[in-house]
Amino acid sequence: MSRRHLPYRRPLLATLAAFAILAGTAAAAPAAPAAPVATPVAATPLATLDDTYYQDALGKTGTQLKSALHSIISVQTKISYSQVWDALKNTDQDPANSSDVILLYTGRSEPKSDNGGAVGQWNREHVWAKSHGDFGTSTGPGTDIHHLRPEDVTVNSIRGNKDFDNGGTAVSGAAGNYTDSDSFESRDAVKGDVARMILYMAVRYEGDDAFADLEPNDQVDNGSAPNIGRLSVLKQWSQEDPPDSFEERRNDVIFDQYQHNRNPFIDHPEWVEAIW
């Protein structure tokens, strides 16, 4: 190499060294933080619940079992209707995306923040229609998150206050759901969820706390009466669609973080037949 090139050697080496330092710094830099993931809720073993929470109900059937469960699950913390929004963002969180909730009837994953009353948003669906017993959004049955679920605004309106039954025409935008003038059939994946929510309400609200005595019956078009049907169909749905991990987690979250009571038909689905 001729001497006339030497003056350029040091800047070149310095530049290469600088690149090496930068490359090393980039390699050592920490990775961008991952999206937040909700802390899993530890499920309470059923044996533990039977030894503590359900101990007064074990061995009973029929009206005695229903009465015992009523006494157990009536001990709860009540939340306001406005607090339901935040509660549902936790209870119904999408297991695959902590920023979303799963809508009950459509099954769609929807951003938690997209709640409200506009078309395309999600709102609070009363699975036991609030007009059946005329409790509205009163603190108690009107705010009990064991039967309140996120749902598409339009589909919620289509369901309205209809009873549950099989059949009807397909619900637009909610595959697997059907409806007619007086009933609504939910998609197969949540049929059991619907049944167990309805039966929870029938046990929890027995007319001894200033609210109507809610009871399932085997008819539709119940109007404002404190009844919802069809009981025979709901029992069938509960058998065909047993509790899954989403429903079980939801029960645990409500018990641990909000109302501190449980839906006994998620823990013991066999109690549906034992009572009805």
Protein backbone atom coordinates (compact mmCIF):
# COMPACT_ATOMS: atom_id res chain seq x y z
CA MET A 1 0.00 0.00 0.00
CA SER A 2 1.44 3.41 -0.92
CA ARG A 3 1.96 5.98 1.84
CA ARG A 4 -0.43 8.39 0.20
CA HIS A 5 -3.28 6.08 1.26
CA LEU A 6 -2.27 5.90 4.92
CA PRO A 7 -4.10 9.10 6.01
CA TYR A 8 -7.39 7.37 5.14
CA ARG A 9 -6.61 4.15 7.02
CA ARG A 10 -7.30 5.43 10.53
CA PRO A 11 -10.69 7.04 9.74
CA LEU A 12 -11.74 3.87 7.98
CA LEU A 13 -10.72 1.70 10.93
CA ALA A 14 -12.43 4.06 13.31
CA THR A 15 -15.61 3.90 11.27
CA LEU A 16 -15.52 0.11 11.21
CA ALA A 17 -14.95 0.04 14.95
CA ALA A 18 -17.88 2.36 15.50
CA PHE A 19 -20.13 0.09 13.47
CA ALA A 20 -18.96 -2.87 15.53
CA ILE A 21 -19.73 -1.06 18.77
CA LEU A 22 -23.18 -0.07 17.53
CA ALA A 23 -23.88 -3.60 16.37
CA GLY A 24 -22.81 -4.98 19.73
CA THR A 25 -24.98 -2.46 21.55
CA ALA A 26 -28.00 -3.38 19.43
CA ALA A 27 -27.45 -7.04 20.07
CA ALA A 28 -27.23 -6.42 23.80
CA ALA A 29 -30.30 -4.17 23.91
CA PRO A 30 -33.33 -5.73 25.64
CA ALA A 31 -36.24 -6.87 23.46
CA ALA A 32 -39.41 -4.79 23.36
CA PRO A 33 -41.79 -5.78 26.15
CA ALA A 34 -44.45 -8.30 25.20
CA ALA A 35 -48.11 -7.46 25.28
CA PRO A 36 -49.51 -7.77 28.80
CA VAL A 37 -51.00 -11.13 29.66
CA ALA A 38 -53.58 -11.49 32.40
CA THR A 39 -52.52 -13.46 35.44
CA PRO A 40 -54.25 -16.86 35.35
CA VAL A 41 -56.84 -17.45 38.04
CA ALA A 42 -56.05 -20.51 40.12
CA ALA A 43 -59.04 -22.82 40.06
CA THR A 44 -60.27 -24.00 43.44
CA PRO A 45 -60.31 -27.83 43.48
CA LEU A 46 -63.83 -29.23 43.58
CA ALA A 47 -62.98 -31.37 46.59
CA THR A 48 -62.04 -28.23 48.49
CA LEU A 49 -65.26 -26.50 47.47
CA ASP A 50 -67.29 -29.54 48.57
CA ASP A 51 -65.55 -29.56 51.95
CA THR A 52 -66.20 -25.85 52.49
CA TYR A 53 -68.47 -23.89 50.16
CA TYR A 54 -70.94 -26.66 49.25
CA GLN A 55 -70.80 -28.74 52.42
CA ASP A 56 -74.42 -27.94 53.40
CA ALA A 57 -75.74 -29.02 49.99
CA LEU A 58 -74.06 -32.40 49.62
CA GLY A 59 -76.32 -35.43 49.74
CA LYS A 60 -79.50 -33.44 49.09
CA THR A 61 -81.85 -33.51 46.09
CA GLY A 62 -84.97 -31.74 44.88
CA THR A 63 -86.33 -28.82 46.87
CA GLN A 64 -83.92 -29.48 49.74
CA LEU A 65 -80.93 -29.13 47.43
CA LYS A 66 -82.38 -26.02 45.81
CA SER A 67 -82.99 -24.45 49.22
CA ALA A 68 -79.49 -25.28 50.45
CA LEU A 69 -77.87 -23.84 47.32
CA HIS A 70 -79.99 -20.72 47.60
CA SER A 71 -78.69 -20.11 51.11
CA ILE A 72 -75.11 -20.66 49.97
CA ILE A 73 -75.04 -18.50 46.84
CA SER A 74 -77.16 -15.69 48.29
CA VAL A 75 -74.13 -14.63 50.31
CA GLN A 76 -72.54 -12.32 47.76
CA THR A 77 -71.04 -8.91 47.12
CA LYS A 78 -73.23 -6.83 44.81
CA ILE A 79 -71.86 -4.48 42.19
CA SER A 80 -73.42 -1.53 40.37
CA TYR A 81 -74.55 -1.60 36.76
CA SER A 82 -71.70 0.71 35.74
CA GLN A 83 -69.18 -1.62 37.41
CA VAL A 84 -70.48 -4.45 35.23
CA TRP A 85 -68.60 -3.00 32.23
CA ASP A 86 -65.18 -3.51 33.82
CA ALA A 87 -66.13 -6.82 35.37
CA LEU A 88 -67.13 -8.30 32.00
CA LYS A 89 -63.82 -7.18 30.49
CA ASN A 90 -62.19 -9.55 32.96
CA THR A 91 -64.68 -12.41 33.23
CA ASP A 92 -65.10 -12.78 29.46
CA GLN A 93 -61.57 -12.01 28.35
CA ASP A 94 -60.43 -13.75 25.17
CA PRO A 95 -57.91 -16.44 26.23
CA ALA A 96 -55.97 -15.77 23.01
CA ASN A 97 -55.97 -11.95 23.23
CA SER A 98 -56.01 -10.14 26.57
CA SER A 99 -57.20 -6.94 24.86
CA ASP A 100 -60.48 -8.54 23.73
CA VAL A 101 -63.62 -10.13 25.12
CA ILE A 102 -65.54 -13.04 23.61
CA LEU A 103 -69.14 -12.19 22.75
CA LEU A 104 -71.65 -14.77 23.97
CA TYR A 105 -73.87 -15.47 20.96
CA THR A 106 -71.62 -14.48 18.07
CA GLY A 107 -68.42 -15.93 19.55
CA ARG A 108 -66.61 -12.95 18.07
CA SER A 109 -63.48 -11.59 19.71
CA GLU A 110 -64.05 -7.87 20.20
CA PRO A 111 -61.80 -5.17 21.71
CA LYS A 112 -62.63 -4.52 25.34
CA SER A 113 -62.63 -0.80 24.63
CA ASP A 114 -65.31 -1.14 21.94
CA ASN A 115 -68.21 -1.23 24.39
CA GLY A 116 -71.26 1.01 24.16
CA GLY A 117 -74.55 1.25 22.34
CA ALA A 118 -73.60 1.79 18.70
CA VAL A 119 -73.97 -0.77 15.92
CA GLY A 120 -70.86 -2.98 15.85
CA GLN A 121 -70.06 -2.42 19.51
CA TRP A 122 -70.77 -4.75 22.42
CA ASN A 123 -73.06 -4.15 25.37
CA ARG A 124 -74.38 -5.98 28.44
CA GLU A 125 -76.70 -8.87 27.68
CA HIS A 126 -79.03 -10.05 30.45
CA VAL A 127 -79.30 -13.77 29.73
CA TRP A 128 -82.26 -13.91 32.12
CA ALA A 129 -84.09 -11.08 30.35
CA LYS A 130 -84.53 -8.23 32.81
CA SER A 131 -88.20 -7.77 31.88
CA HIS A 132 -88.96 -11.33 33.07
CA GLY A 133 -89.60 -10.34 36.66
CA ASP A 134 -89.26 -6.62 35.95
CA PHE A 135 -85.98 -6.14 37.84
CA GLY A 136 -84.41 -3.90 35.20
CA THR A 137 -80.83 -2.91 36.04
CA SER A 138 -81.39 -2.84 39.80
CA THR A 139 -78.43 -3.82 41.95
CA GLY A 140 -79.05 -7.51 42.49
CA PRO A 141 -80.51 -9.55 39.63
CA GLY A 142 -80.03 -6.63 37.23
CA THR A 143 -76.29 -6.49 37.93
CA ASP A 144 -75.52 -10.14 38.70
CA ILE A 145 -72.59 -10.96 36.43
CA HIS A 146 -73.27 -14.68 36.63
CA HIS A 147 -75.88 -14.02 33.91
CA LEU A 148 -74.57 -10.81 32.31
CA ARG A 149 -72.41 -11.33 29.24
CA PRO A 150 -70.83 -9.17 26.50
CA GLU A 151 -72.80 -9.30 23.24
CA ASP A 152 -72.99 -7.53 19.92
CA VAL A 153 -75.47 -4.65 20.17
CA THR A 154 -77.54 -5.77 17.20
CA VAL A 155 -77.66 -9.44 18.19
CA ASN A 156 -78.57 -8.45 21.75
CA SER A 157 -81.50 -6.49 20.34
CA ILE A 158 -82.58 -9.46 18.19
CA ARG A 159 -82.60 -11.73 21.22
CA GLY A 160 -84.51 -9.08 23.19
CA ASN A 161 -86.47 -10.71 26.01
CA LYS A 162 -87.30 -13.93 24.16
CA ASP A 163 -87.36 -17.26 25.94
CA PHE A 164 -84.96 -20.02 24.90
CA ASP A 165 -86.02 -22.85 22.61
CA ASN A 166 -84.84 -24.76 19.56
CA GLY A 167 -85.66 -23.60 16.05
CA GLY A 168 -86.36 -20.50 14.04
CA THR A 169 -84.50 -18.73 11.26
CA ALA A 170 -80.77 -18.00 11.24
CA VAL A 171 -79.68 -14.82 13.00
CA SER A 172 -77.79 -12.55 10.62
CA GLY A 173 -74.22 -11.94 11.76
CA ALA A 174 -74.38 -14.64 14.42
CA ALA A 175 -73.82 -18.05 12.83
CA GLY A 176 -75.40 -20.97 14.67
CA ASN A 177 -78.06 -18.87 16.40
CA TYR A 178 -81.75 -19.03 15.45
CA THR A 179 -84.82 -17.05 16.40
CA ASP A 180 -88.54 -16.71 15.82
CA SER A 181 -91.24 -14.48 17.25
CA ASP A 182 -91.04 -15.80 20.81
CA SER A 183 -87.79 -17.75 21.27
CA PHE A 184 -84.04 -17.71 20.71
CA GLU A 185 -81.65 -20.62 20.16
CA SER A 186 -77.99 -19.94 20.96
CA ARG A 187 -75.04 -21.45 19.13
CA ASP A 188 -74.06 -24.97 20.23
CA ALA A 189 -70.83 -23.92 21.98
CA VAL A 190 -72.70 -21.89 24.61
CA LYS A 191 -76.00 -23.73 24.94
CA GLY A 192 -74.93 -25.21 28.26
CA ASP A 193 -73.63 -21.83 29.44
CA VAL A 194 -77.04 -20.29 28.77
CA ALA A 195 -78.86 -23.09 30.58
CA ARG A 196 -76.64 -22.94 33.66
CA MET A 197 -76.95 -19.15 33.88
CA ILE A 198 -80.74 -19.36 33.76
CA LEU A 199 -80.84 -22.08 36.41
CA TYR A 200 -78.41 -20.16 38.63
CA MET A 201 -80.82 -17.21 38.56
CA ALA A 202 -83.73 -19.49 39.48
CA VAL A 203 -81.88 -20.69 42.58
CA ARG A 204 -80.34 -17.36 43.59
CA TYR A 205 -83.53 -15.26 43.38
CA GLU A 206 -86.36 -16.91 45.30
CA GLY A 207 -88.45 -13.86 46.14
CA ASP A 208 -87.01 -13.30 49.59
CA ASP A 209 -84.92 -10.20 48.87
CA ALA A 210 -87.45 -7.68 47.47
CA PHE A 211 -87.16 -9.15 43.97
CA ALA A 212 -89.46 -11.56 42.17
CA ASP A 213 -89.19 -15.33 42.58
CA LEU A 214 -87.52 -16.32 39.31
CA GLU A 215 -88.43 -19.78 38.03
CA PRO A 216 -87.93 -21.63 34.74
CA ASN A 217 -90.97 -23.23 33.11
CA ASP A 218 -91.61 -25.29 30.01
CA GLN A 219 -93.20 -22.65 27.83
CA VAL A 220 -92.21 -19.63 25.77
CA ASP A 221 -93.69 -16.15 25.39
CA ASN A 222 -93.56 -15.58 29.16
CA GLY A 223 -93.64 -11.80 28.75
CA SER A 224 -93.08 -9.93 32.01
CA ALA A 225 -93.81 -12.94 34.22
CA PRO A 226 -90.78 -13.96 36.37
CA ASN A 227 -90.33 -17.10 34.27
CA ILE A 228 -88.17 -18.24 31.36
CA GLY A 229 -88.50 -21.39 29.27
CA ARG A 230 -88.23 -23.91 27.97
CA LEU A 231 -86.95 -25.85 30.94
CA SER A 232 -86.88 -29.16 29.06
CA VAL A 233 -84.74 -27.59 26.33
CA LEU A 234 -82.42 -25.90 28.84
CA LYS A 235 -81.85 -29.22 30.60
CA GLN A 236 -81.03 -30.80 27.25
CA TRP A 237 -78.61 -27.97 26.45
CA SER A 238 -76.86 -28.37 29.78
CA GLN A 239 -76.29 -32.08 29.13
CA GLU A 240 -75.13 -31.62 25.54
CA ASP A 241 -72.72 -28.77 26.32
CA PRO A 242 -70.93 -29.45 29.64
CA PRO A 243 -68.82 -26.73 31.32
CA ASP A 244 -65.60 -25.88 29.50
CA SER A 245 -62.44 -24.09 30.67
CA PHE A 246 -63.77 -20.65 29.67
CA GLU A 247 -66.94 -21.11 31.73
CA GLU A 248 -65.01 -22.55 34.67
CA ARG A 249 -62.50 -19.68 34.67
CA ARG A 250 -65.37 -17.21 34.54
CA ASN A 251 -66.96 -18.82 37.61
CA ASP A 252 -63.64 -18.61 39.47
CA VAL A 253 -63.06 -14.96 38.56
CA ILE A 254 -66.54 -13.96 39.76
CA PHE A 255 -66.00 -15.90 42.98
CA ASP A 256 -62.47 -14.63 43.66
CA GLN A 257 -62.67 -11.02 42.51
CA TYR A 258 -66.24 -9.73 42.35
CA GLN A 259 -69.33 -11.31 43.87
CA HIS A 260 -67.69 -14.04 45.96
CA ASN A 261 -70.43 -16.52 45.10
CA ARG A 262 -70.50 -19.31 42.53
CA ASN A 263 -72.75 -20.84 39.90
CA PRO A 264 -73.21 -24.31 41.41
CA PHE A 265 -74.28 -25.85 38.09
CA ILE A 266 -70.83 -25.17 36.63
CA ASP A 267 -69.17 -26.96 39.55
CA HIS A 268 -71.81 -29.70 39.75
CA PRO A 269 -73.71 -29.97 36.43
CA GLU A 270 -75.43 -33.10 37.74
CA TRP A 271 -77.38 -30.90 40.17
CA VAL A 272 -79.53 -29.68 37.26
CA GLU A 273 -81.20 -33.08 37.05
CA ALA A 274 -81.14 -33.49 40.82
CA ILE A 275 -83.37 -30.39 41.20
CA TRP A 276 -85.46 -30.34 38.02
